[in-house]
């Protein structure tokens, strides 16, 4: 499946890799801490975002009029892929 994604326009690959590492880090005790770390990473990369809401497995942010759902764990990663189908 060939998927065109807007995410690369706004989030550099290095930041995507860092967000993925945070999502999969089993040593981070809870999703609130993961969200804090993810937002700190977005801030370091100077991504202009606004938090919309968080759920069980993902946090939604608004970037330049687009909503992006950032996975916070393996289930969130599966949810993101499932939405592409």
C-alpha atoms as a PDB file:
ATOM      1  CA  UNK A   1       0.000   0.000   0.000  1.00  0.00           C
ATOM      2  CA  UNK A   2       1.381   3.405  -0.995  1.00  0.00           C
ATOM      3  CA  UNK A   3       0.317   6.017   1.557  1.00  0.00           C
ATOM      4  CA  UNK A   4       0.973   9.718   1.213  1.00  0.00           C
ATOM      5  CA  UNK A   5       1.418  11.329   4.594  1.00  0.00           C
ATOM      6  CA  UNK A   6       1.477  14.998   5.524  1.00  0.00           C
ATOM      7  CA  UNK A   7       3.314  14.207   8.724  1.00  0.00           C
ATOM      8  CA  UNK A   8       6.733  14.539   7.072  1.00  0.00           C
ATOM      9  CA  UNK A   9       5.890  18.159   6.202  1.00  0.00           C
ATOM     10  CA  UNK A  10       5.677  19.031   9.886  1.00  0.00           C
ATOM     11  CA  UNK A  11       7.592  16.413  11.880  1.00  0.00           C
ATOM     12  CA  UNK A  12      11.206  15.590  10.979  1.00  0.00           C
ATOM     13  CA  UNK A  13      12.200  11.917  10.815  1.00  0.00           C
ATOM     14  CA  UNK A  14      14.504  12.280  13.826  1.00  0.00           C
ATOM     15  CA  UNK A  15      11.600  13.586  15.882  1.00  0.00           C
ATOM     16  CA  UNK A  16       9.348  10.761  14.653  1.00  0.00           C
ATOM     17  CA  UNK A  17      11.969   8.275  15.791  1.00  0.00           C
ATOM     18  CA  UNK A  18      12.191   9.968  19.198  1.00  0.00           C
ATOM     19  CA  UNK A  19       8.389   9.924  19.597  1.00  0.00           C
ATOM     20  CA  UNK A  20       8.388   6.223  18.707  1.00  0.00           C
ATOM     21  CA  UNK A  21      11.086   5.515  21.308  1.00  0.00           C
ATOM     22  CA  UNK A  22       9.042   7.306  23.949  1.00  0.00           C
ATOM     23  CA  UNK A  23       5.900   5.391  22.948  1.00  0.00           C
ATOM     24  CA  UNK A  24       7.668   2.036  23.251  1.00  0.00           C
ATOM     25  CA  UNK A  25       9.654   2.805  26.425  1.00  0.00           C
ATOM     26  CA  UNK A  26       8.342   0.389  29.062  1.00  0.00           C
ATOM     27  CA  UNK A  27      10.304   2.207  31.775  1.00  0.00           C
ATOM     28  CA  UNK A  28       8.122   5.316  31.502  1.00  0.00           C
ATOM     29  CA  UNK A  29       5.526   4.710  34.216  1.00  0.00           C
ATOM     30  CA  UNK A  30       2.372   6.175  32.644  1.00  0.00           C
ATOM     31  CA  UNK A  31       0.957   7.904  29.580  1.00  0.00           C
ATOM     32  CA  UNK A  32       0.859  11.332  31.249  1.00  0.00           C
ATOM     33  CA  UNK A  33       4.632  11.159  31.600  1.00  0.00           C
ATOM     34  CA  UNK A  34       4.925   9.976  27.987  1.00  0.00           C
ATOM     35  CA  UNK A  35       2.801  12.925  26.837  1.00  0.00           C
ATOM     36  CA  UNK A  36       5.031  15.341  28.755  1.00  0.00           C
ATOM     37  CA  UNK A  37       8.129  13.826  27.126  1.00  0.00           C
ATOM     38  CA  UNK A  38       6.515  13.900  23.684  1.00  0.00           C
ATOM     39  CA  UNK A  39       5.504  17.546  24.030  1.00  0.00           C
ATOM     40  CA  UNK A  40       9.005  18.400  25.249  1.00  0.00           C
ATOM     41  CA  UNK A  41      10.386  16.745  22.102  1.00  0.00           C
ATOM     42  CA  UNK A  42       7.951  18.663  19.874  1.00  0.00           C
ATOM     43  CA  UNK A  43       9.020  21.871  21.618  1.00  0.00           C
ATOM     44  CA  UNK A  44      12.743  21.103  21.132  1.00  0.00           C
ATOM     45  CA  UNK A  45      12.110  20.686  17.408  1.00  0.00           C
ATOM     46  CA  UNK A  46      10.075  23.911  17.405  1.00  0.00           C
ATOM     47  CA  UNK A  47       6.924  22.239  16.069  1.00  0.00           C
ATOM     48  CA  UNK A  48       4.033  24.678  16.324  1.00  0.00           C
ATOM     49  CA  UNK A  49       1.289  22.452  17.752  1.00  0.00           C
ATOM     50  CA  UNK A  50      -1.748  22.664  19.987  1.00  0.00           C
ATOM     51  CA  UNK A  51      -2.882  19.785  22.189  1.00  0.00           C
ATOM     52  CA  UNK A  52      -6.423  18.699  21.365  1.00  0.00           C
ATOM     53  CA  UNK A  53      -7.063  15.682  23.577  1.00  0.00           C
ATOM     54  CA  UNK A  54      -5.582  12.446  24.817  1.00  0.00           C
ATOM     55  CA  UNK A  55      -7.113   9.006  24.866  1.00  0.00           C
ATOM     56  CA  UNK A  56      -6.052   5.650  26.176  1.00  0.00           C
ATOM     57  CA  UNK A  57      -3.395   4.971  23.550  1.00  0.00           C
ATOM     58  CA  UNK A  58      -2.890   8.200  21.608  1.00  0.00           C
ATOM     59  CA  UNK A  59      -2.681  11.959  22.014  1.00  0.00           C
ATOM     60  CA  UNK A  60      -4.117  14.275  19.339  1.00  0.00           C
ATOM     61  CA  UNK A  61      -2.409  17.504  18.342  1.00  0.00           C
ATOM     62  CA  UNK A  62      -3.310  20.197  15.834  1.00  0.00           C
ATOM     63  CA  UNK A  63      -0.535  21.313  13.482  1.00  0.00           C
ATOM     64  CA  UNK A  64      -1.224  23.840  10.728  1.00  0.00           C
ATOM     65  CA  UNK A  65      -4.897  22.869  10.526  1.00  0.00           C
ATOM     66  CA  UNK A  66      -4.261  19.104  10.516  1.00  0.00           C
ATOM     67  CA  UNK A  67      -4.951  16.711  13.379  1.00  0.00           C
ATOM     68  CA  UNK A  68      -2.222  14.191  14.122  1.00  0.00           C
ATOM     69  CA  UNK A  69      -2.720  11.295  16.514  1.00  0.00           C
ATOM     70  CA  UNK A  70       0.539  10.353  18.205  1.00  0.00           C
ATOM     71  CA  UNK A  71       0.704   6.816  19.559  1.00  0.00           C
ATOM     72  CA  UNK A  72       1.701   6.406  23.197  1.00  0.00           C
ATOM     73  CA  UNK A  73       2.144   2.613  23.128  1.00  0.00           C
ATOM     74  CA  UNK A  74       1.925  -0.469  20.877  1.00  0.00           C
ATOM     75  CA  UNK A  75      -1.871  -0.360  20.911  1.00  0.00           C
ATOM     76  CA  UNK A  76      -1.797   3.255  19.719  1.00  0.00           C
ATOM     77  CA  UNK A  77       0.566   2.287  16.899  1.00  0.00           C
ATOM     78  CA  UNK A  78      -1.868  -0.457  15.858  1.00  0.00           C
ATOM     79  CA  UNK A  79      -4.760   2.043  16.042  1.00  0.00           C
ATOM     80  CA  UNK A  80      -2.918   4.429  13.722  1.00  0.00           C
ATOM     81  CA  UNK A  81      -2.293   1.678  11.165  1.00  0.00           C
ATOM     82  CA  UNK A  82      -5.897   0.473  11.453  1.00  0.00           C
ATOM     83  CA  UNK A  83      -7.170   3.943  10.512  1.00  0.00           C
ATOM     84  CA  UNK A  84      -5.238   3.748   7.237  1.00  0.00           C
ATOM     85  CA  UNK A  85      -7.122   0.627   6.148  1.00  0.00           C
END
